[in-house]
Amino acid sequence: MSQSLVDVGAIDDVPQRGARCVKKGDLTIAIFRTQDDQFFALEDKCPHKNGPLSQGIVHDGCVTCPLHNWVISLSSGQAQGADEGETRTFTVEVRDGRLLLDLEEMA
């Protein structure tokens, strides 16, 4: 395992079509799980008004912000449709049923 990867929990800690948050200092990262068990990690801030993406609805490889319905791609962090902006993404790996985040990206 790379020195920069840190175990942040079990895959079962994240509900399907839901999220779980991990904090590092002032940074909150939301780990999302899609219906088909893919995992993505984004900063828990919508690029529009910093809404909590972790409380949004996960669908079609995206999450919809609960504040103003902005749709954010889970893979790129880019706002979809006519909206513009992006949310910081992080590498998340799954190994032996555990979720690993890259600490260097979290700096």
PDB file of N, CA and C in Angstrom:
ATOM      1  N   MET A   1       0.851  -1.182   0.000  1.00  0.00           N
ATOM      2  CA  MET A   1       0.000   0.000   0.000  1.00  0.00           C
ATOM      3  C   MET A   1       0.897   1.245   0.000  1.00  0.00           C
ATOM      4  N   SER A   2       0.538   2.207  -0.816  1.00  0.00           N
ATOM      5  CA  SER A   2       1.281   3.465  -0.885  1.00  0.00           C
ATOM      6  C   SER A   2       1.232   4.170   0.466  1.00  0.00           C
ATOM      7  N   GLN A   3       2.328   4.864   0.799  1.00  0.00           N
ATOM      8  CA  GLN A   3       2.397   5.575   2.072  1.00  0.00           C
ATOM      9  C   GLN A   3       1.334   6.656   2.185  1.00  0.00           C
ATOM     10  N   SER A   4       0.892   7.197   1.044  1.00  0.00           N
ATOM     11  CA  SER A   4      -0.051   8.313   1.102  1.00  0.00           C
ATOM     12  C   SER A   4      -1.502   7.871   1.194  1.00  0.00           C
ATOM     13  N   LEU A   5      -1.769   6.567   1.064  1.00  0.00           N
ATOM     14  CA  LEU A   5      -3.153   6.090   1.163  1.00  0.00           C
ATOM     15  C   LEU A   5      -3.514   5.833   2.621  1.00  0.00           C
ATOM     16  N   VAL A   6      -4.700   6.293   2.998  1.00  0.00           N
ATOM     17  CA  VAL A   6      -5.152   6.099   4.370  1.00  0.00           C
ATOM     18  C   VAL A   6      -6.523   5.415   4.345  1.00  0.00           C
ATOM     19  N   ASP A   7      -6.693   4.448   5.232  1.00  0.00           N
ATOM     20  CA  ASP A   7      -7.953   3.715   5.353  1.00  0.00           C
ATOM     21  C   ASP A   7      -8.965   4.607   6.059  1.00  0.00           C
ATOM     22  N   VAL A   8     -10.093   4.853   5.406  1.00  0.00           N
ATOM     23  CA  VAL A   8     -11.114   5.727   5.993  1.00  0.00           C
ATOM     24  C   VAL A   8     -12.412   4.993   6.313  1.00  0.00           C
ATOM     25  N   GLY A   9     -12.405   3.663   6.180  1.00  0.00           N
ATOM     26  CA  GLY A   9     -13.587   2.909   6.565  1.00  0.00           C
ATOM     27  C   GLY A   9     -13.905   1.783   5.607  1.00  0.00           C
ATOM     28  N   ALA A  10     -14.943   1.059   5.963  1.00  0.00           N
ATOM     29  CA  ALA A  10     -15.395  -0.074   5.148  1.00  0.00           C
ATOM     30  C   ALA A  10     -16.365   0.401   4.073  1.00  0.00           C
ATOM     31  N   ILE A  11     -16.406  -0.346   2.965  1.00  0.00           N
ATOM     32  CA  ILE A  11     -17.342   0.033   1.904  1.00  0.00           C
ATOM     33  C   ILE A  11     -18.783   0.000   2.419  1.00  0.00           C
ATOM     34  N   ASP A  12     -19.042  -0.876   3.375  1.00  0.00           N
ATOM     35  CA  ASP A  12     -20.401  -0.972   3.924  1.00  0.00           C
ATOM     36  C   ASP A  12     -20.787   0.233   4.778  1.00  0.00           C
ATOM     37  N   ASP A  13     -19.817   1.091   5.103  1.00  0.00           N
ATOM     38  CA  ASP A  13     -20.111   2.325   5.844  1.00  0.00           C
ATOM     39  C   ASP A  13     -20.817   3.353   4.961  1.00  0.00           C
ATOM     40  N   VAL A  14     -20.752   3.151   3.637  1.00  0.00           N
ATOM     41  CA  VAL A  14     -21.357   4.095   2.695  1.00  0.00           C
ATOM     42  C   VAL A  14     -22.564   3.420   2.059  1.00  0.00           C
ATOM     43  N   PRO A  15     -23.765   3.951   2.270  1.00  0.00           N
ATOM     44  CA  PRO A  15     -24.952   3.327   1.694  1.00  0.00           C
ATOM     45  C   PRO A  15     -24.985   3.476   0.174  1.00  0.00           C
ATOM     46  N   GLN A  16     -25.593   2.515  -0.510  1.00  0.00           N
ATOM     47  CA  GLN A  16     -25.776   2.662  -1.953  1.00  0.00           C
ATOM     48  C   GLN A  16     -26.586   3.915  -2.218  1.00  0.00           C
ATOM     49  N   ARG A  17     -26.159   4.667  -3.257  1.00  0.00           N
ATOM     50  CA  ARG A  17     -26.791   5.923  -3.642  1.00  0.00           C
ATOM     51  C   ARG A  17     -26.776   6.933  -2.495  1.00  0.00           C
ATOM     52  N   GLY A  18     -25.698   6.854  -1.687  1.00  0.00           N
ATOM     53  CA  GLY A  18     -25.550   7.772  -0.560  1.00  0.00           C
ATOM     54  C   GLY A  18     -24.101   8.174  -0.386  1.00  0.00           C
ATOM     55  N   ALA A  19     -23.809   8.790   0.757  1.00  0.00           N
ATOM     56  CA  ALA A  19     -22.461   9.292   1.022  1.00  0.00           C
ATOM     57  C   ALA A  19     -22.116   9.187   2.500  1.00  0.00           C
ATOM     58  N   ARG A  20     -20.827   9.276   2.759  1.00  0.00           N
ATOM     59  CA  ARG A  20     -20.282   9.338   4.117  1.00  0.00           C
ATOM     60  C   ARG A  20     -19.167  10.366   4.090  1.00  0.00           C
ATOM     61  N   CYS A  21     -19.047  11.154   5.133  1.00  0.00           N
ATOM     62  CA  CYS A  21     -18.034  12.220   5.166  1.00  0.00           C
ATOM     63  C   CYS A  21     -16.827  11.828   6.001  1.00  0.00           C
ATOM     64  N   VAL A  22     -15.669  12.328   5.565  1.00  0.00           N
ATOM     65  CA  VAL A  22     -14.401  12.166   6.256  1.00  0.00           C
ATOM     66  C   VAL A  22     -13.822  13.569   6.413  1.00  0.00           C
ATOM     67  N   LYS A  23     -13.327  13.895   7.603  1.00  0.00           N
ATOM     68  CA  LYS A  23     -12.752  15.233   7.844  1.00  0.00           C
ATOM     69  C   LYS A  23     -11.245  15.130   8.020  1.00  0.00           C
ATOM     70  N   LYS A  24     -10.564  16.130   7.473  1.00  0.00           N
ATOM     71  CA  LYS A  24      -9.127  16.299   7.722  1.00  0.00           C
ATOM     72  C   LYS A  24      -8.910  17.784   7.910  1.00  0.00           C
ATOM     73  N   GLY A  25      -8.754  18.224   9.143  1.00  0.00           N
ATOM     74  CA  GLY A  25      -8.658  19.651   9.442  1.00  0.00           C
ATOM     75  C   GLY A  25      -9.954  20.343   9.049  1.00  0.00           C
ATOM     76  N   ASP A  26      -9.847  21.403   8.248  1.00  0.00           N
ATOM     77  CA  ASP A  26     -11.030  22.141   7.796  1.00  0.00           C
ATOM     78  C   ASP A  26     -11.671  21.523   6.561  1.00  0.00           C
ATOM     79  N   LEU A  27     -11.040  20.494   6.004  1.00  0.00           N
ATOM     80  CA  LEU A  27     -11.508  19.875   4.768  1.00  0.00           C
ATOM     81  C   LEU A  27     -12.466  18.730   5.070  1.00  0.00           C
ATOM     82  N   THR A  28     -13.637  18.752   4.422  1.00  0.00           N
ATOM     83  CA  THR A  28     -14.578  17.640   4.531  1.00  0.00           C
ATOM     84  C   THR A  28     -14.710  17.000   3.151  1.00  0.00           C
ATOM     85  N   ILE A  29     -14.467  15.701   3.108  1.00  0.00           N
ATOM     86  CA  ILE A  29     -14.566  14.949   1.861  1.00  0.00           C
ATOM     87  C   ILE A  29     -15.755  14.005   1.976  1.00  0.00           C
ATOM     88  N   ALA A  30     -16.600  14.040   0.953  1.00  0.00           N
ATOM     89  CA  ALA A  30     -17.745  13.133   0.885  1.00  0.00           C
ATOM     90  C   ALA A  30     -17.371  11.968  -0.021  1.00  0.00           C
ATOM     91  N   ILE A  31     -17.541  10.763   0.486  1.00  0.00           N
ATOM     92  CA  ILE A  31     -17.322   9.562  -0.315  1.00  0.00           C
ATOM     93  C   ILE A  31     -18.696   9.053  -0.735  1.00  0.00           C
ATOM     94  N   PHE A  32     -18.895   8.969  -2.031  1.00  0.00           N
ATOM     95  CA  PHE A  32     -20.180   8.576  -2.599  1.00  0.00           C
ATOM     96  C   PHE A  32     -20.122   7.152  -3.115  1.00  0.00           C
ATOM     97  N   ARG A  33     -21.274   6.459  -3.035  1.00  0.00           N
ATOM     98  CA  ARG A  33     -21.410   5.103  -3.567  1.00  0.00           C
ATOM     99  C   ARG A  33     -22.595   5.096  -4.523  1.00  0.00           C
ATOM    100  N   THR A  34     -22.342   4.654  -5.746  1.00  0.00           N
ATOM    101  CA  THR A  34     -23.418   4.604  -6.736  1.00  0.00           C
ATOM    102  C   THR A  34     -24.225   3.318  -6.582  1.00  0.00           C
ATOM    103  N   GLN A  35     -25.316   3.241  -7.321  1.00  0.00           N
ATOM    104  CA  GLN A  35     -26.179   2.056  -7.290  1.00  0.00           C
ATOM    105  C   GLN A  35     -25.405   0.797  -7.685  1.00  0.00           C
ATOM    106  N   ASP A  36     -24.417   0.950  -8.595  1.00  0.00           N
ATOM    107  CA  ASP A  36     -23.636  -0.209  -9.047  1.00  0.00           C
ATOM    108  C   ASP A  36     -22.292  -0.327  -8.320  1.00  0.00           C
ATOM    109  N   ASP A  37     -22.234   0.209  -7.101  1.00  0.00           N
ATOM    110  CA  ASP A  37     -21.093   0.056  -6.188  1.00  0.00           C
ATOM    111  C   ASP A  37     -19.778   0.636  -6.710  1.00  0.00           C
ATOM    112  N   GLN A  38     -19.848   1.770  -7.392  1.00  0.00           N
ATOM    113  CA  GLN A  38     -18.648   2.540  -7.697  1.00  0.00           C
ATOM    114  C   GLN A  38     -18.510   3.595  -6.609  1.00  0.00           C
ATOM    115  N   PHE A  39     -17.263   3.936  -6.275  1.00  0.00           N
ATOM    116  CA  PHE A  39     -17.005   4.907  -5.212  1.00  0.00           C
ATOM    117  C   PHE A  39     -16.267   6.119  -5.774  1.00  0.00           C
ATOM    118  N   PHE A  40     -16.667   7.301  -5.305  1.00  0.00           N
ATOM    119  CA  PHE A  40     -16.077   8.563  -5.726  1.00  0.00           C
ATOM    120  C   PHE A  40     -15.909   9.442  -4.496  1.00  0.00           C
ATOM    121  N   ALA A  41     -14.919  10.333  -4.532  1.00  0.00           N
ATOM    122  CA  ALA A  41     -14.688  11.244  -3.412  1.00  0.00           C
ATOM    123  C   ALA A  41     -14.619  12.677  -3.928  1.00  0.00           C
ATOM    124  N   LEU A  42     -15.413  13.541  -3.325  1.00  0.00           N
ATOM    125  CA  LEU A  42     -15.468  14.958  -3.673  1.00  0.00           C
ATOM    126  C   LEU A  42     -15.408  15.789  -2.403  1.00  0.00           C
ATOM    127  N   GLU A  43     -14.882  17.007  -2.530  1.00  0.00           N
ATOM    128  CA  GLU A  43     -15.001  17.921  -1.403  1.00  0.00           C
ATOM    129  C   GLU A  43     -16.494  18.143  -1.176  1.00  0.00           C
ATOM    130  N   ASP A  44     -16.905  18.205   0.066  1.00  0.00           N
ATOM    131  CA  ASP A  44     -18.333  18.284   0.404  1.00  0.00           C
ATOM    132  C   ASP A  44     -18.849  19.718   0.288  1.00  0.00           C
ATOM    133  N   LYS A  45     -18.608  20.328  -0.888  1.00  0.00           N
ATOM    134  CA  LYS A  45     -19.038  21.708  -1.139  1.00  0.00           C
ATOM    135  C   LYS A  45     -19.487  21.835  -2.583  1.00  0.00           C
ATOM    136  N   CYS A  46     -20.702  22.240  -2.788  1.00  0.00           N
ATOM    137  CA  CYS A  46     -21.171  22.548  -4.132  1.00  0.00           C
ATOM    138  C   CYS A  46     -20.453  23.818  -4.603  1.00  0.00           C
ATOM    139  N   PRO A  47     -20.054  23.892  -5.883  1.00  0.00           N
ATOM    140  CA  PRO A  47     -19.364  25.092  -6.359  1.00  0.00           C
ATOM    141  C   PRO A  47     -20.271  26.325  -6.426  1.00  0.00           C
ATOM    142  N   HIS A  48     -21.561  26.126  -6.271  1.00  0.00           N
ATOM    143  CA  HIS A  48     -22.506  27.247  -6.356  1.00  0.00           C
ATOM    144  C   HIS A  48     -22.517  28.058  -5.066  1.00  0.00           C
ATOM    145  N   LYS A  49     -22.995  27.465  -3.984  1.00  0.00           N
ATOM    146  CA  LYS A  49     -23.117  28.171  -2.695  1.00  0.00           C
ATOM    147  C   LYS A  49     -22.578  27.329  -1.541  1.00  0.00           C
ATOM    148  N   ASN A  50     -21.642  26.410  -1.852  1.00  0.00           N
ATOM    149  CA  ASN A  50     -21.020  25.544  -0.838  1.00  0.00           C
ATOM    150  C   ASN A  50     -21.998  24.623  -0.130  1.00  0.00           C
ATOM    151  N   GLY A  51     -23.080  24.242  -0.800  1.00  0.00           N
ATOM    152  CA  GLY A  51     -24.052  23.314  -0.220  1.00  0.00           C
ATOM    153  C   GLY A  51     -23.414  21.963   0.075  1.00  0.00           C
ATOM    154  N   PRO A  52     -23.966  21.227   1.037  1.00  0.00           N
ATOM    155  CA  PRO A  52     -23.415  19.930   1.438  1.00  0.00           C
ATOM    156  C   PRO A  52     -23.777  18.828   0.437  1.00  0.00           C
ATOM    157  N   LEU A  53     -22.889  18.550  -0.492  1.00  0.00           N
ATOM    158  CA  LEU A  53     -23.171  17.535  -1.510  1.00  0.00           C
ATOM    159  C   LEU A  53     -23.471  16.170  -0.902  1.00  0.00           C
ATOM    160  N   SER A  54     -22.886  15.890   0.268  1.00  0.00           N
ATOM    161  CA  SER A  54     -23.106  14.590   0.914  1.00  0.00           C
ATOM    162  C   SER A  54     -24.568  14.360   1.258  1.00  0.00           C
ATOM    163  N   GLN A  55     -25.360  15.426   1.329  1.00  0.00           N
ATOM    164  CA  GLN A  55     -26.786  15.296   1.646  1.00  0.00           C
ATOM    165  C   GLN A  55     -27.650  15.267   0.386  1.00  0.00           C
ATOM    166  N   GLY A  56     -26.990  15.264  -0.777  1.00  0.00           N
ATOM    167  CA  GLY A  56     -27.716  15.277  -2.045  1.00  0.00           C
ATOM    168  C   GLY A  56     -28.119  13.893  -2.508  1.00  0.00           C
ATOM    169  N   ILE A  57     -28.806  13.861  -3.640  1.00  0.00           N
ATOM    170  CA  ILE A  57     -29.281  12.615  -4.232  1.00  0.00           C
ATOM    171  C   ILE A  57     -28.260  12.139  -5.259  1.00  0.00           C
ATOM    172  N   VAL A  58     -27.824  10.874  -5.121  1.00  0.00           N
ATOM    173  CA  VAL A  58     -26.867  10.269  -6.043  1.00  0.00           C
ATOM    174  C   VAL A  58     -27.650   9.571  -7.148  1.00  0.00           C
ATOM    175  N   HIS A  59     -27.312   9.916  -8.399  1.00  0.00           N
ATOM    176  CA  HIS A  59     -28.018   9.339  -9.548  1.00  0.00           C
ATOM    177  C   HIS A  59     -27.164   9.462 -10.797  1.00  0.00           C
ATOM    178  N   ASP A  60     -27.188   8.466 -11.652  1.00  0.00           N
ATOM    179  CA  ASP A  60     -26.569   8.525 -12.980  1.00  0.00           C
ATOM    180  C   ASP A  60     -25.142   9.069 -12.970  1.00  0.00           C
ATOM    181  N   GLY A  61     -24.329   8.660 -12.008  1.00  0.00           N
ATOM    182  CA  GLY A  61     -22.945   9.114 -11.949  1.00  0.00           C
ATOM    183  C   GLY A  61     -22.786  10.544 -11.473  1.00  0.00           C
ATOM    184  N   CYS A  62     -23.838  11.100 -10.885  1.00  0.00           N
ATOM    185  CA  CYS A  62     -23.831  12.491 -10.417  1.00  0.00           C
ATOM    186  C   CYS A  62     -24.444  12.573  -9.024  1.00  0.00           C
ATOM    187  N   VAL A  63     -24.300  13.753  -8.419  1.00  0.00           N
ATOM    188  CA  VAL A  63     -24.998  14.067  -7.181  1.00  0.00           C
ATOM    189  C   VAL A  63     -25.689  15.413  -7.389  1.00  0.00           C
ATOM    190  N   THR A  64     -26.918  15.514  -6.903  1.00  0.00           N
ATOM    191  CA  THR A  64     -27.661  16.767  -6.988  1.00  0.00           C
ATOM    192  C   THR A  64     -27.598  17.463  -5.642  1.00  0.00           C
ATOM    193  N   CYS A  65     -27.100  18.695  -5.641  1.00  0.00           N
ATOM    194  CA  CYS A  65     -26.968  19.467  -4.409  1.00  0.00           C
ATOM    195  C   CYS A  65     -28.350  19.715  -3.801  1.00  0.00           C
ATOM    196  N   PRO A  66     -28.489  19.527  -2.487  1.00  0.00           N
ATOM    197  CA  PRO A  66     -29.793  19.706  -1.846  1.00  0.00           C
ATOM    198  C   PRO A  66     -30.238  21.170  -1.741  1.00  0.00           C
ATOM    199  N   LEU A  67     -29.326  22.130  -1.913  1.00  0.00           N
ATOM    200  CA  LEU A  67     -29.711  23.533  -1.760  1.00  0.00           C
ATOM    201  C   LEU A  67     -30.405  24.109  -2.990  1.00  0.00           C
ATOM    202  N   HIS A  68     -29.757  23.982  -4.161  1.00  0.00           N
ATOM    203  CA  HIS A  68     -30.291  24.639  -5.358  1.00  0.00           C
ATOM    204  C   HIS A  68     -30.334  23.721  -6.575  1.00  0.00           C
ATOM    205  N   ASN A  69     -30.249  22.422  -6.339  1.00  0.00           N
ATOM    206  CA  ASN A  69     -30.389  21.409  -7.390  1.00  0.00           C
ATOM    207  C   ASN A  69     -29.320  21.437  -8.473  1.00  0.00           C
ATOM    208  N   TRP A  70     -28.136  21.957  -8.166  1.00  0.00           N
ATOM    209  CA  TRP A  70     -27.043  21.835  -9.119  1.00  0.00           C
ATOM    210  C   TRP A  70     -26.650  20.367  -9.205  1.00  0.00           C
ATOM    211  N   VAL A  71     -26.351  19.892 -10.407  1.00  0.00           N
ATOM    212  CA  VAL A  71     -25.947  18.503 -10.634  1.00  0.00           C
ATOM    213  C   VAL A  71     -24.439  18.481 -10.873  1.00  0.00           C
ATOM    214  N   ILE A  72     -23.721  17.682 -10.070  1.00  0.00           N
ATOM    215  CA  ILE A  72     -22.263  17.619 -10.103  1.00  0.00           C
ATOM    216  C   ILE A  72     -21.834  16.204 -10.484  1.00  0.00           C
ATOM    217  N   SER A  73     -20.947  16.096 -11.475  1.00  0.00           N
ATOM    218  CA  SER A  73     -20.410  14.801 -11.881  1.00  0.00           C
ATOM    219  C   SER A  73     -19.549  14.231 -10.759  1.00  0.00           C
ATOM    220  N   LEU A  74     -19.788  12.968 -10.401  1.00  0.00           N
ATOM    221  CA  LEU A  74     -18.986  12.339  -9.355  1.00  0.00           C
ATOM    222  C   LEU A  74     -17.557  12.064  -9.825  1.00  0.00           C
ATOM    223  N   SER A  75     -17.372  11.808 -11.107  1.00  0.00           N
ATOM    224  CA  SER A  75     -16.036  11.472 -11.595  1.00  0.00           C
ATOM    225  C   SER A  75     -15.160  12.700 -11.837  1.00  0.00           C
ATOM    226  N   SER A  76     -15.742  13.803 -12.301  1.00  0.00           N
ATOM    227  CA  SER A  76     -14.932  14.984 -12.633  1.00  0.00           C
ATOM    228  C   SER A  76     -15.103  16.147 -11.667  1.00  0.00           C
ATOM    229  N   GLY A  77     -16.202  16.172 -10.909  1.00  0.00           N
ATOM    230  CA  GLY A  77     -16.499  17.301 -10.033  1.00  0.00           C
ATOM    231  C   GLY A  77     -17.093  18.483 -10.774  1.00  0.00           C
ATOM    232  N   GLN A  78     -17.310  18.353 -12.078  1.00  0.00           N
ATOM    233  CA  GLN A  78     -17.824  19.445 -12.907  1.00  0.00           C
ATOM    234  C   GLN A  78     -19.337  19.588 -12.767  1.00  0.00           C
ATOM    235  N   ALA A  79     -19.791  20.836 -12.719  1.00  0.00           N
ATOM    236  CA  ALA A  79     -21.232  21.110 -12.760  1.00  0.00           C
ATOM    237  C   ALA A  79     -21.742  20.713 -14.138  1.00  0.00           C
ATOM    238  N   GLN A  80     -22.953  20.196 -14.186  1.00  0.00           N
ATOM    239  CA  GLN A  80     -23.542  19.712 -15.433  1.00  0.00           C
ATOM    240  C   GLN A  80     -24.555  20.710 -15.978  1.00  0.00           C
ATOM    241  N   GLY A  81     -24.916  20.522 -17.243  1.00  0.00           N
ATOM    242  CA  GLY A  81     -25.925  21.383 -17.852  1.00  0.00           C
ATOM    243  C   GLY A  81     -25.391  22.790 -18.048  1.00  0.00           C
ATOM    244  N   ALA A  82     -26.253  23.773 -17.827  1.00  0.00           N
ATOM    245  CA  ALA A  82     -25.897  25.174 -18.047  1.00  0.00           C
ATOM    246  C   ALA A  82     -25.075  25.760 -16.903  1.00  0.00           C
ATOM    247  N   ASP A  83     -24.993  25.053 -15.765  1.00  0.00           N
ATOM    248  CA  ASP A  83     -24.259  25.565 -14.608  1.00  0.00           C
ATOM    249  C   ASP A  83     -22.757  25.416 -14.834  1.00  0.00           C
ATOM    250  N   GLU A  84     -21.987  26.340 -14.264  1.00  0.00           N
ATOM    251  CA  GLU A  84     -20.537  26.306 -14.413  1.00  0.00           C
ATOM    252  C   GLU A  84     -19.860  26.320 -13.060  1.00  0.00           C
ATOM    253  N   GLY A  85     -18.817  25.528 -12.952  1.00  0.00           N
ATOM    254  CA  GLY A  85     -18.039  25.442 -11.723  1.00  0.00           C
ATOM    255  C   GLY A  85     -17.626  24.004 -11.498  1.00  0.00           C
ATOM    256  N   GLU A  86     -16.749  23.808 -10.530  1.00  0.00           N
ATOM    257  CA  GLU A  86     -16.341  22.443 -10.222  1.00  0.00           C
ATOM    258  C   GLU A  86     -15.993  22.312  -8.755  1.00  0.00           C
ATOM    259  N   THR A  87     -16.101  21.081  -8.288  1.00  0.00           N
ATOM    260  CA  THR A  87     -15.780  20.700  -6.931  1.00  0.00           C
ATOM    261  C   THR A  87     -14.519  19.846  -6.976  1.00  0.00           C
ATOM    262  N   ARG A  88     -13.667  20.017  -6.003  1.00  0.00           N
ATOM    263  CA  ARG A  88     -12.414  19.257  -5.943  1.00  0.00           C
ATOM    264  C   ARG A  88     -12.696  17.763  -5.798  1.00  0.00           C
ATOM    265  N   THR A  89     -11.980  16.941  -6.575  1.00  0.00           N
ATOM    266  CA  THR A  89     -12.120  15.493  -6.515  1.00  0.00           C
ATOM    267  C   THR A  89     -10.894  14.882  -5.857  1.00  0.00           C
ATOM    268  N   PHE A  90     -11.061  13.680  -5.345  1.00  0.00           N
ATOM    269  CA  PHE A  90      -9.984  12.950  -4.685  1.00  0.00           C
ATOM    270  C   PHE A  90     -10.008  11.505  -5.159  1.00  0.00           C
ATOM    271  N   THR A  91      -8.828  10.890  -5.147  1.00  0.00           N
ATOM    272  CA  THR A  91      -8.727   9.491  -5.525  1.00  0.00           C
ATOM    273  C   THR A  91      -9.182   8.624  -4.361  1.00  0.00           C
ATOM    274  N   VAL A  92     -10.114   7.731  -4.633  1.00  0.00           N
ATOM    275  CA  VAL A  92     -10.545   6.757  -3.628  1.00  0.00           C
ATOM    276  C   VAL A  92     -10.360   5.374  -4.241  1.00  0.00           C
ATOM    277  N   GLU A  93      -9.748   4.485  -3.472  1.00  0.00           N
ATOM    278  CA  GLU A  93      -9.524   3.115  -3.922  1.00  0.00           C
ATOM    279  C   GLU A  93     -10.247   2.160  -2.978  1.00  0.00           C
ATOM    280  N   VAL A  94     -10.653   1.024  -3.521  1.00  0.00           N
ATOM    281  CA  VAL A  94     -11.279  -0.020  -2.716  1.00  0.00           C
ATOM    282  C   VAL A  94     -10.337  -1.217  -2.709  1.00  0.00           C
ATOM    283  N   ARG A  95      -9.963  -1.641  -1.506  1.00  0.00           N
ATOM    284  CA  ARG A  95      -9.112  -2.825  -1.349  1.00  0.00           C
ATOM    285  C   ARG A  95      -9.636  -3.654  -0.190  1.00  0.00           C
ATOM    286  N   ASP A  96      -9.904  -4.899  -0.482  1.00  0.00           N
ATOM    287  CA  ASP A  96     -10.348  -5.838   0.556  1.00  0.00           C
ATOM    288  C   ASP A  96     -11.518  -5.287   1.361  1.00  0.00           C
ATOM    289  N   GLY A  97     -12.457  -4.644   0.662  1.00  0.00           N
ATOM    290  CA  GLY A  97     -13.645  -4.131   1.327  1.00  0.00           C
ATOM    291  C   GLY A  97     -13.430  -2.847   2.114  1.00  0.00           C
ATOM    292  N   ARG A  98     -12.259  -2.227   1.956  1.00  0.00           N
ATOM    293  CA  ARG A  98     -11.931  -0.995   2.672  1.00  0.00           C
ATOM    294  C   ARG A  98     -11.772   0.160   1.682  1.00  0.00           C
ATOM    295  N   LEU A  99     -12.069   1.367   2.148  1.00  0.00           N
ATOM    296  CA  LEU A  99     -11.932   2.570   1.338  1.00  0.00           C
ATOM    297  C   LEU A  99     -10.644   3.280   1.701  1.00  0.00           C
ATOM    298  N   LEU A 100      -9.853   3.626   0.696  1.00  0.00           N
ATOM    299  CA  LEU A 100      -8.576   4.281   0.899  1.00  0.00           C
ATOM    300  C   LEU A 100      -8.562   5.609   0.160  1.00  0.00           C
ATOM    301  N   LEU A 101      -8.184   6.674   0.864  1.00  0.00           N
ATOM    302  CA  LEU A 101      -8.044   8.005   0.264  1.00  0.00           C
ATOM    303  C   LEU A 101      -6.572   8.382   0.224  1.00  0.00           C
ATOM    304  N   ASP A 102      -6.202   9.173  -0.785  1.00  0.00           N
ATOM    305  CA  ASP A 102      -4.831   9.631  -0.940  1.00  0.00           C
ATOM    306  C   ASP A 102      -4.607  10.868  -0.086  1.00  0.00           C
ATOM    307  N   LEU A 103      -3.793  10.739   0.952  1.00  0.00           N
ATOM    308  CA  LEU A 103      -3.525  11.858   1.868  1.00  0.00           C
ATOM    309  C   LEU A 103      -2.824  13.020   1.177  1.00  0.00           C
ATOM    310  N   GLU A 104      -1.962  12.747   0.205  1.00  0.00           N
ATOM    311  CA  GLU A 104      -1.248  13.821  -0.463  1.00  0.00           C
ATOM    312  C   GLU A 104      -2.206  14.740  -1.199  1.00  0.00           C
ATOM    313  N   GLU A 105      -3.277  14.185  -1.764  1.00  0.00           N
ATOM    314  CA  GLU A 105      -4.278  15.004  -2.447  1.00  0.00           C
ATOM    315  C   GLU A 105      -5.060  15.874  -1.464  1.00  0.00           C
ATOM    316  N   MET A 106      -5.082  15.463  -0.211  1.00  0.00           N
ATOM    317  CA  MET A 106      -5.872  16.160   0.809  1.00  0.00           C
ATOM    318  C   MET A 106      -5.111  17.323   1.429  1.00  0.00           C
ATOM    319  N   ALA A 107      -3.854  17.513   1.034  1.00  0.00           N
ATOM    320  CA  ALA A 107      -3.026  18.570   1.631  1.00  0.00           C
ATOM    321  C   ALA A 107      -3.528  19.945   1.235  1.00  0.00           C
TER     322      ALA A 107
END
